[in-house]
Amino acid sequence: EVQLQASGGGLVQAGGSLRLSCVASGFNFNDYGIGWFRQAPGMEREGVACIKNSDGTGEYAYSVKGRFTISSDYAKNTVYLQMSSLKPEDTAVYYCAAGRTKDRVGVPTLRSYDYDYWGQGTQVTVSS
């Protein structure tokens, strides 16, 4: 059974930091990429960052570039999203998702339809 367990959300002041974790199980970690998405109330889901687990290459949304860092721990089947210099507009429910990258080109991406499995969300709230 495929599972993605996201955690690490919370309440933080503007300028602060949080680290989100996504623990994956039930599939070959290196055959997939992991993406982090977020959704604020009344807004569409937005791709934030993604990483190809087989080689560590990543991509970031313009809104978070230079502030967020995505990384993989292959030994723990875990992907992290280190978030720094947080802004109130970063407030959202954050989700991690897994999309197959083996034998595919042009993936992973920040497009939600490229992902096969989704975890539950973790709330991030940034106060001003």
C-alpha atoms as a PDB file:
ATOM      1  CA  GLU A   1       0.000   0.000   0.000  1.00  0.00           C
ATOM      2  CA  VAL A   2       1.385   3.377  -1.018  1.00  0.00           C
ATOM      3  CA  GLN A   3       1.537   5.891   1.792  1.00  0.00           C
ATOM      4  CA  LEU A   4       2.809   9.432   2.014  1.00  0.00           C
ATOM      5  CA  GLN A   5       2.907  10.909   5.485  1.00  0.00           C
ATOM      6  CA  ALA A   6       3.432  14.659   5.667  1.00  0.00           C
ATOM      7  CA  SER A   7       4.298  16.374   8.918  1.00  0.00           C
ATOM      8  CA  GLY A   8       6.080  19.385  10.377  1.00  0.00           C
ATOM      9  CA  GLY A   9       3.536  22.131   9.890  1.00  0.00           C
ATOM     10  CA  GLY A  10       2.705  24.656  12.552  1.00  0.00           C
ATOM     11  CA  LEU A  11       2.384  28.294  13.485  1.00  0.00           C
ATOM     12  CA  VAL A  12       5.394  30.541  12.945  1.00  0.00           C
ATOM     13  CA  GLN A  13       6.033  34.255  12.808  1.00  0.00           C
ATOM     14  CA  ALA A  14       6.954  35.975   9.581  1.00  0.00           C
ATOM     15  CA  GLY A  15      10.649  35.575   8.923  1.00  0.00           C
ATOM     16  CA  GLY A  16      10.763  32.244  10.708  1.00  0.00           C
ATOM     17  CA  SER A  17      11.478  28.747   9.474  1.00  0.00           C
ATOM     18  CA  LEU A  18       9.823  25.346   9.365  1.00  0.00           C
ATOM     19  CA  ARG A  19      10.852  21.994   7.985  1.00  0.00           C
ATOM     20  CA  LEU A  20       8.229  19.728   6.495  1.00  0.00           C
ATOM     21  CA  SER A  21       8.791  15.994   6.125  1.00  0.00           C
ATOM     22  CA  CYS A  22       7.191  13.508   3.755  1.00  0.00           C
ATOM     23  CA  VAL A  23       7.782   9.858   4.581  1.00  0.00           C
ATOM     24  CA  ALA A  24       7.072   7.529   1.672  1.00  0.00           C
ATOM     25  CA  SER A  25       6.333   3.806   1.700  1.00  0.00           C
ATOM     26  CA  GLY A  26       4.867   1.177  -0.586  1.00  0.00           C
ATOM     27  CA  PHE A  27       6.834   1.999  -3.732  1.00  0.00           C
ATOM     28  CA  ASN A  28      10.403   2.147  -4.994  1.00  0.00           C
ATOM     29  CA  PHE A  29      11.541   5.541  -3.763  1.00  0.00           C
ATOM     30  CA  ASN A  30      14.169   6.010  -6.467  1.00  0.00           C
ATOM     31  CA  ASP A  31      11.648   5.415  -9.273  1.00  0.00           C
ATOM     32  CA  TYR A  32       9.610   8.412  -8.228  1.00  0.00           C
ATOM     33  CA  GLY A  33       9.790  12.124  -7.709  1.00  0.00           C
ATOM     34  CA  ILE A  34       8.194  13.921  -4.810  1.00  0.00           C
ATOM     35  CA  GLY A  35       6.427  17.231  -5.090  1.00  0.00           C
ATOM     36  CA  TRP A  36       5.246  19.638  -2.458  1.00  0.00           C
ATOM     37  CA  PHE A  37       2.052  21.510  -3.153  1.00  0.00           C
ATOM     38  CA  ARG A  38       0.059  23.994  -1.126  1.00  0.00           C
ATOM     39  CA  GLN A  39      -3.479  25.223  -1.076  1.00  0.00           C
ATOM     40  CA  ALA A  40      -4.726  28.305   0.702  1.00  0.00           C
ATOM     41  CA  PRO A  41      -8.441  28.850   1.390  1.00  0.00           C
ATOM     42  CA  GLY A  42     -10.268  29.852  -1.761  1.00  0.00           C
ATOM     43  CA  MET A  43      -7.168  29.338  -3.892  1.00  0.00           C
ATOM     44  CA  GLU A  44      -6.118  26.686  -6.362  1.00  0.00           C
ATOM     45  CA  ARG A  45      -3.512  24.124  -5.404  1.00  0.00           C
ATOM     46  CA  GLU A  46      -0.029  25.418  -6.242  1.00  0.00           C
ATOM     47  CA  GLY A  47       3.126  23.455  -6.904  1.00  0.00           C
ATOM     48  CA  VAL A  48       5.910  24.661  -4.612  1.00  0.00           C
ATOM     49  CA  ALA A  49       8.902  22.390  -5.168  1.00  0.00           C
ATOM     50  CA  CYS A  50       9.724  18.970  -6.533  1.00  0.00           C
ATOM     51  CA  ILE A  51      12.675  16.604  -6.574  1.00  0.00           C
ATOM     52  CA  LYS A  52      13.659  13.595  -8.645  1.00  0.00           C
ATOM     53  CA  ASN A  53      14.724  11.027  -6.078  1.00  0.00           C
ATOM     54  CA  SER A  54      17.061   9.156  -8.427  1.00  0.00           C
ATOM     55  CA  ASP A  55      19.407  12.106  -8.972  1.00  0.00           C
ATOM     56  CA  GLY A  56      18.314  14.875  -6.624  1.00  0.00           C
ATOM     57  CA  THR A  57      17.437  17.409  -9.293  1.00  0.00           C
ATOM     58  CA  GLY A  58      14.774  19.824  -8.220  1.00  0.00           C
ATOM     59  CA  GLU A  59      12.542  22.654  -9.308  1.00  0.00           C
ATOM     60  CA  TYR A  60      10.972  25.510  -7.395  1.00  0.00           C
ATOM     61  CA  ALA A  61       8.093  27.852  -7.888  1.00  0.00           C
ATOM     62  CA  TYR A  62       9.214  31.422  -8.425  1.00  0.00           C
ATOM     63  CA  SER A  63       7.385  32.509  -5.285  1.00  0.00           C
ATOM     64  CA  VAL A  64       9.593  30.353  -3.049  1.00  0.00           C
ATOM     65  CA  LYS A  65      12.884  30.231  -4.922  1.00  0.00           C
ATOM     66  CA  GLY A  66      15.757  31.181  -2.658  1.00  0.00           C
ATOM     67  CA  ARG A  67      13.670  30.663   0.481  1.00  0.00           C
ATOM     68  CA  PHE A  68      12.659  26.987   0.282  1.00  0.00           C
ATOM     69  CA  THR A  69      14.938  23.980  -0.206  1.00  0.00           C
ATOM     70  CA  ILE A  70      13.799  20.482  -1.095  1.00  0.00           C
ATOM     71  CA  SER A  71      15.970  17.445  -0.342  1.00  0.00           C
ATOM     72  CA  SER A  72      15.766  13.663  -0.189  1.00  0.00           C
ATOM     73  CA  ASP A  73      17.049  11.206   2.402  1.00  0.00           C
ATOM     74  CA  TYR A  74      17.184   7.941   0.505  1.00  0.00           C
ATOM     75  CA  ALA A  75      17.973   5.891   3.595  1.00  0.00           C
ATOM     76  CA  LYS A  76      14.782   7.098   5.241  1.00  0.00           C
ATOM     77  CA  ASN A  77      12.559   7.315   2.123  1.00  0.00           C
ATOM     78  CA  THR A  78      11.875  10.858   3.218  1.00  0.00           C
ATOM     79  CA  VAL A  79      11.727  14.173   1.409  1.00  0.00           C
ATOM     80  CA  TYR A  80      12.121  17.420   3.301  1.00  0.00           C
ATOM     81  CA  LEU A  81      11.004  20.929   2.517  1.00  0.00           C
ATOM     82  CA  GLN A  82      13.048  23.449   4.458  1.00  0.00           C
ATOM     83  CA  MET A  83      11.160  26.723   4.499  1.00  0.00           C
ATOM     84  CA  SER A  84      12.923  29.912   5.564  1.00  0.00           C
ATOM     85  CA  SER A  85      12.069  33.605   5.541  1.00  0.00           C
ATOM     86  CA  LEU A  86       8.428  32.650   5.732  1.00  0.00           C
ATOM     87  CA  LYS A  87       5.800  35.172   4.745  1.00  0.00           C
ATOM     88  CA  PRO A  88       2.106  35.385   5.647  1.00  0.00           C
ATOM     89  CA  GLU A  89       1.310  34.516   2.035  1.00  0.00           C
ATOM     90  CA  ASP A  90       2.977  31.142   2.580  1.00  0.00           C
ATOM     91  CA  THR A  91       0.073  30.195   4.832  1.00  0.00           C
ATOM     92  CA  ALA A  92      -1.645  27.130   3.389  1.00  0.00           C
ATOM     93  CA  VAL A  93      -2.160  23.411   3.761  1.00  0.00           C
ATOM     94  CA  TYR A  94       0.928  21.729   2.362  1.00  0.00           C
ATOM     95  CA  TYR A  95       0.705  18.356   0.626  1.00  0.00           C
ATOM     96  CA  CYS A  96       3.343  15.982  -0.655  1.00  0.00           C
ATOM     97  CA  ALA A  97       2.770  13.812  -3.698  1.00  0.00           C
ATOM     98  CA  ALA A  98       4.640  11.090  -5.577  1.00  0.00           C
ATOM     99  CA  GLY A  99       4.879  10.783  -9.330  1.00  0.00           C
ATOM    100  CA  ARG A 100       6.724   8.093 -11.270  1.00  0.00           C
ATOM    101  CA  THR A 101       9.886   9.359 -12.976  1.00  0.00           C
ATOM    102  CA  LYS A 102      11.492   6.094 -14.105  1.00  0.00           C
ATOM    103  CA  ASP A 103      11.177   5.648 -17.887  1.00  0.00           C
ATOM    104  CA  ARG A 104       9.580   9.077 -18.206  1.00  0.00           C
ATOM    105  CA  VAL A 105      11.011  12.370 -19.430  1.00  0.00           C
ATOM    106  CA  GLY A 106      10.281  15.861 -18.306  1.00  0.00           C
ATOM    107  CA  VAL A 107       9.257  14.846 -14.814  1.00  0.00           C
ATOM    108  CA  PRO A 108       8.864  15.635 -12.006  1.00  0.00           C
ATOM    109  CA  THR A 109       7.091  18.914 -12.471  1.00  0.00           C
ATOM    110  CA  LEU A 110       5.072  21.356 -10.422  1.00  0.00           C
ATOM    111  CA  ARG A 111       1.859  20.224 -12.121  1.00  0.00           C
ATOM    112  CA  SER A 112      -0.443  18.262  -9.873  1.00  0.00           C
ATOM    113  CA  TYR A 113      -1.702  16.004 -12.674  1.00  0.00           C
ATOM    114  CA  ASP A 114       1.797  14.511 -13.033  1.00  0.00           C
ATOM    115  CA  TYR A 115       1.460  12.883  -9.614  1.00  0.00           C
ATOM    116  CA  ASP A 116      -0.039   9.515  -8.809  1.00  0.00           C
ATOM    117  CA  TYR A 117      -0.207   9.455  -5.042  1.00  0.00           C
ATOM    118  CA  TRP A 118      -1.012  12.101  -2.478  1.00  0.00           C
ATOM    119  CA  GLY A 119      -0.510  12.386   1.235  1.00  0.00           C
ATOM    120  CA  GLN A 120      -2.662  14.167   3.743  1.00  0.00           C
ATOM    121  CA  GLY A 121      -1.925  17.835   4.286  1.00  0.00           C
ATOM    122  CA  THR A 122      -0.108  19.629   7.031  1.00  0.00           C
ATOM    123  CA  GLN A 123      -1.130  23.154   7.985  1.00  0.00           C
ATOM    124  CA  VAL A 124       1.418  25.957   7.858  1.00  0.00           C
ATOM    125  CA  THR A 125       0.351  29.289   9.308  1.00  0.00           C
ATOM    126  CA  VAL A 126       2.621  32.334   9.167  1.00  0.00           C
ATOM    127  CA  SER A 127       1.606  35.260  11.321  1.00  0.00           C
ATOM    128  CA  SER A 128       2.549  38.833  10.498  1.00  0.00           C
END
